[in-house]
């Protein structure tokens, strides 16, 4: 847990997705890990999750401050 310059709580995390999909009639394994951040009241709920928990996350993508890479901003989760 950290705080933004505006004093809002911010929680940095990593999200991992794994699944299998069909592409051109072939089964393909999909795996992705992405850096994420949650800002505001949602941080307390996320911080309480045990490492390795599963869930459904919603939000938006943005460029990282360095301009290199993508950051997923978590705005909701179940």
N, C-alpha and C. Protein backbone atom coordinates (compact mmCIF):
# COMPACT_ATOMS: atom_id res chain seq x y z
N UNK A 1 0.85 -1.18 0.00
CA UNK A 1 0.00 0.00 0.00
C UNK A 1 0.89 1.23 0.00
N UNK A 2 0.51 2.19 -0.81
CA UNK A 2 1.20 3.47 -0.86
C UNK A 2 0.14 4.56 -1.02
N UNK A 3 0.56 5.79 -1.06
CA UNK A 3 -0.38 6.90 -1.22
C UNK A 3 0.06 7.80 -2.36
N UNK A 4 -0.91 8.27 -3.14
CA UNK A 4 -0.61 9.18 -4.24
C UNK A 4 -0.28 10.56 -3.67
N UNK A 5 0.29 11.45 -4.48
CA UNK A 5 0.54 12.81 -4.00
C UNK A 5 -0.73 13.51 -3.51
N UNK A 6 -1.90 13.09 -4.02
CA UNK A 6 -3.17 13.67 -3.59
C UNK A 6 -3.68 13.04 -2.29
N UNK A 7 -2.93 12.06 -1.76
CA UNK A 7 -3.31 11.43 -0.50
C UNK A 7 -4.23 10.23 -0.65
N UNK A 8 -4.49 9.77 -1.87
CA UNK A 8 -5.35 8.60 -2.07
C UNK A 8 -4.55 7.32 -1.91
N UNK A 9 -5.15 6.29 -1.29
CA UNK A 9 -4.44 5.01 -1.19
C UNK A 9 -4.31 4.37 -2.57
N UNK A 10 -3.15 3.78 -2.83
CA UNK A 10 -2.89 3.09 -4.10
C UNK A 10 -2.27 1.74 -3.78
N UNK A 11 -2.70 0.72 -4.51
CA UNK A 11 -2.24 -0.65 -4.28
C UNK A 11 -1.73 -1.22 -5.60
N UNK A 12 -0.45 -1.54 -5.66
CA UNK A 12 0.15 -2.12 -6.86
C UNK A 12 0.04 -3.64 -6.78
N UNK A 13 -0.33 -4.27 -7.89
CA UNK A 13 -0.46 -5.72 -7.91
C UNK A 13 -0.17 -6.24 -9.29
N UNK A 14 -0.10 -7.54 -9.40
CA UNK A 14 0.11 -8.22 -10.66
C UNK A 14 -1.05 -9.18 -10.87
N UNK A 15 -1.63 -9.17 -12.07
CA UNK A 15 -2.74 -10.06 -12.39
C UNK A 15 -2.28 -11.07 -13.43
N UNK A 16 -2.68 -12.33 -13.26
CA UNK A 16 -2.30 -13.38 -14.19
C UNK A 16 -3.56 -14.05 -14.74
N UNK A 17 -3.57 -14.23 -16.05
CA UNK A 17 -4.70 -14.89 -16.73
C UNK A 17 -4.17 -16.12 -17.44
N UNK A 18 -4.88 -17.24 -17.31
CA UNK A 18 -4.55 -18.46 -18.04
C UNK A 18 -5.85 -19.09 -18.52
N UNK A 19 -5.87 -19.48 -19.82
CA UNK A 19 -7.05 -20.15 -20.37
C UNK A 19 -6.66 -20.89 -21.64
N UNK A 20 -7.64 -21.58 -22.20
CA UNK A 20 -7.47 -22.22 -23.49
C UNK A 20 -8.57 -21.72 -24.41
N UNK A 21 -8.19 -21.41 -25.64
CA UNK A 21 -9.15 -20.92 -26.63
C UNK A 21 -8.93 -21.68 -27.93
N UNK A 22 -9.93 -21.60 -28.79
CA UNK A 22 -9.82 -22.22 -30.10
C UNK A 22 -9.47 -21.14 -31.12
N UNK A 23 -8.43 -21.40 -31.91
CA UNK A 23 -8.01 -20.46 -32.94
C UNK A 23 -7.74 -21.26 -34.21
N UNK A 24 -8.50 -20.98 -35.25
CA UNK A 24 -8.37 -21.69 -36.53
C UNK A 24 -8.49 -23.20 -36.34
N UNK A 25 -9.41 -23.61 -35.46
CA UNK A 25 -9.65 -25.03 -35.24
C UNK A 25 -8.63 -25.71 -34.33
N UNK A 26 -7.69 -24.97 -33.81
CA UNK A 26 -6.66 -25.54 -32.94
C UNK A 26 -6.82 -24.98 -31.52
N UNK A 27 -6.56 -25.81 -30.54
CA UNK A 27 -6.60 -25.35 -29.15
C UNK A 27 -5.30 -24.61 -28.86
N UNK A 28 -5.44 -23.45 -28.28
CA UNK A 28 -4.27 -22.63 -27.94
C UNK A 28 -4.33 -22.25 -26.48
N UNK A 29 -3.22 -22.42 -25.80
CA UNK A 29 -3.12 -22.03 -24.40
C UNK A 29 -2.72 -20.56 -24.35
N UNK A 30 -3.45 -19.78 -23.56
CA UNK A 30 -3.19 -18.35 -23.43
C UNK A 30 -2.76 -18.06 -21.99
N UNK A 31 -1.68 -17.34 -21.85
CA UNK A 31 -1.19 -16.97 -20.53
C UNK A 31 -0.68 -15.53 -20.60
N UNK A 32 -1.08 -14.72 -19.63
CA UNK A 32 -0.70 -13.31 -19.61
C UNK A 32 -0.56 -12.85 -18.17
N UNK A 33 0.49 -12.10 -17.91
CA UNK A 33 0.65 -11.46 -16.60
C UNK A 33 0.82 -9.97 -16.87
N UNK A 34 0.08 -9.15 -16.11
CA UNK A 34 0.08 -7.71 -16.34
C UNK A 34 0.17 -6.97 -15.00
N UNK A 35 0.91 -5.88 -15.02
CA UNK A 35 0.99 -5.03 -13.82
C UNK A 35 -0.32 -4.27 -13.70
N UNK A 36 -0.74 -4.07 -12.47
CA UNK A 36 -2.02 -3.40 -12.22
C UNK A 36 -1.90 -2.48 -11.01
N UNK A 37 -2.85 -1.55 -10.93
CA UNK A 37 -2.92 -0.64 -9.79
C UNK A 37 -4.38 -0.38 -9.48
N UNK A 38 -4.67 -0.23 -8.21
CA UNK A 38 -6.00 0.16 -7.76
C UNK A 38 -5.81 1.42 -6.92
N UNK A 39 -6.70 2.38 -7.09
CA UNK A 39 -6.59 3.65 -6.37
C UNK A 39 -7.93 3.96 -5.71
N UNK A 40 -7.88 4.37 -4.46
CA UNK A 40 -9.09 4.75 -3.74
C UNK A 40 -9.60 3.66 -2.81
N UNK A 41 -10.91 3.67 -2.57
CA UNK A 41 -11.52 2.77 -1.60
C UNK A 41 -11.36 1.28 -1.92
N UNK A 42 -11.24 0.94 -3.19
CA UNK A 42 -11.11 -0.46 -3.60
C UNK A 42 -9.82 -1.10 -3.08
N UNK A 43 -8.84 -0.29 -2.73
CA UNK A 43 -7.55 -0.82 -2.29
C UNK A 43 -7.66 -1.68 -1.03
N UNK A 44 -8.52 -1.31 -0.11
CA UNK A 44 -8.65 -2.08 1.13
C UNK A 44 -9.18 -3.48 0.85
N UNK A 45 -10.15 -3.59 -0.06
CA UNK A 45 -10.70 -4.90 -0.41
C UNK A 45 -9.67 -5.76 -1.13
N UNK A 46 -8.91 -5.15 -2.02
CA UNK A 46 -7.89 -5.91 -2.74
C UNK A 46 -6.76 -6.35 -1.82
N UNK A 47 -6.38 -5.50 -0.93
CA UNK A 47 -5.28 -5.82 -0.02
C UNK A 47 -5.63 -7.01 0.88
N UNK A 48 -6.91 -7.22 1.14
CA UNK A 48 -7.35 -8.32 2.00
C UNK A 48 -7.35 -9.67 1.27
N UNK A 49 -7.22 -9.67 -0.08
CA UNK A 49 -7.22 -10.93 -0.82
C UNK A 49 -5.92 -11.69 -0.59
N UNK A 50 -6.02 -12.99 -0.37
CA UNK A 50 -4.79 -13.79 -0.27
C UNK A 50 -4.09 -13.87 -1.63
N UNK A 51 -2.77 -13.98 -1.62
CA UNK A 51 -2.01 -14.15 -2.86
C UNK A 51 -2.49 -15.41 -3.56
N UNK A 52 -2.70 -15.33 -4.85
CA UNK A 52 -3.15 -16.47 -5.63
C UNK A 52 -4.66 -16.58 -5.75
N UNK A 53 -5.39 -15.63 -5.19
CA UNK A 53 -6.86 -15.65 -5.27
C UNK A 53 -7.30 -15.48 -6.73
N UNK A 54 -8.47 -16.02 -7.04
CA UNK A 54 -9.03 -15.84 -8.37
C UNK A 54 -10.19 -14.85 -8.29
N UNK A 55 -10.45 -14.20 -9.39
CA UNK A 55 -11.55 -13.25 -9.42
C UNK A 55 -11.73 -12.67 -10.80
N UNK A 56 -12.73 -11.83 -10.92
CA UNK A 56 -13.01 -11.12 -12.15
C UNK A 56 -12.73 -9.64 -11.91
N UNK A 57 -11.87 -9.08 -12.72
CA UNK A 57 -11.44 -7.70 -12.54
C UNK A 57 -11.88 -6.87 -13.72
N UNK A 58 -12.31 -5.65 -13.46
CA UNK A 58 -12.71 -4.71 -14.51
C UNK A 58 -11.94 -3.41 -14.31
N UNK A 59 -11.74 -2.68 -15.38
CA UNK A 59 -11.03 -1.43 -15.29
C UNK A 59 -10.66 -0.92 -16.66
N UNK A 60 -9.50 -0.28 -16.75
CA UNK A 60 -9.04 0.26 -18.02
C UNK A 60 -7.53 0.16 -18.13
N UNK A 61 -7.05 0.20 -19.38
CA UNK A 61 -5.62 0.11 -19.66
C UNK A 61 -5.05 1.50 -19.91
N UNK A 62 -3.80 1.70 -19.48
CA UNK A 62 -3.10 2.94 -19.78
C UNK A 62 -1.62 2.62 -19.96
N UNK A 63 -0.91 3.56 -20.52
CA UNK A 63 0.54 3.42 -20.63
C UNK A 63 1.14 3.67 -19.25
N UNK A 64 2.25 3.00 -18.98
CA UNK A 64 2.94 3.25 -17.71
C UNK A 64 3.59 4.62 -17.78
N UNK A 65 3.89 5.19 -16.65
CA UNK A 65 4.47 6.54 -16.61
C UNK A 65 5.75 6.65 -17.42
N UNK A 66 6.52 5.58 -17.45
CA UNK A 66 7.77 5.60 -18.21
C UNK A 66 7.51 5.57 -19.72
N UNK A 67 6.25 5.27 -20.09
CA UNK A 67 5.92 5.17 -21.50
C UNK A 67 6.22 3.81 -22.09
N UNK A 68 6.78 2.93 -21.27
CA UNK A 68 7.14 1.59 -21.72
C UNK A 68 6.31 0.57 -20.96
N UNK A 69 5.37 -0.03 -21.64
CA UNK A 69 4.54 -1.04 -21.01
C UNK A 69 3.12 -0.56 -20.79
N UNK A 70 2.30 -1.50 -20.34
CA UNK A 70 0.88 -1.25 -20.13
C UNK A 70 0.54 -1.48 -18.66
N UNK A 71 -0.36 -0.67 -18.14
CA UNK A 71 -0.80 -0.78 -16.76
C UNK A 71 -2.32 -0.91 -16.74
N UNK A 72 -2.83 -1.90 -16.02
CA UNK A 72 -4.26 -2.11 -15.89
C UNK A 72 -4.73 -1.45 -14.60
N UNK A 73 -5.65 -0.50 -14.70
CA UNK A 73 -6.21 0.18 -13.54
C UNK A 73 -7.48 -0.56 -13.11
N UNK A 74 -7.45 -1.18 -11.95
CA UNK A 74 -8.59 -1.94 -11.45
C UNK A 74 -9.60 -0.97 -10.84
N UNK A 75 -10.84 -1.03 -11.34
CA UNK A 75 -11.89 -0.18 -10.80
C UNK A 75 -12.99 -1.01 -10.13
N UNK A 76 -13.08 -2.31 -10.47
CA UNK A 76 -14.07 -3.21 -9.87
C UNK A 76 -13.51 -4.62 -9.85
N UNK A 77 -13.96 -5.42 -8.89
CA UNK A 77 -13.63 -6.84 -8.91
C UNK A 77 -14.64 -7.63 -8.10
N UNK A 78 -14.77 -8.91 -8.46
CA UNK A 78 -15.65 -9.84 -7.74
C UNK A 78 -14.83 -11.02 -7.28
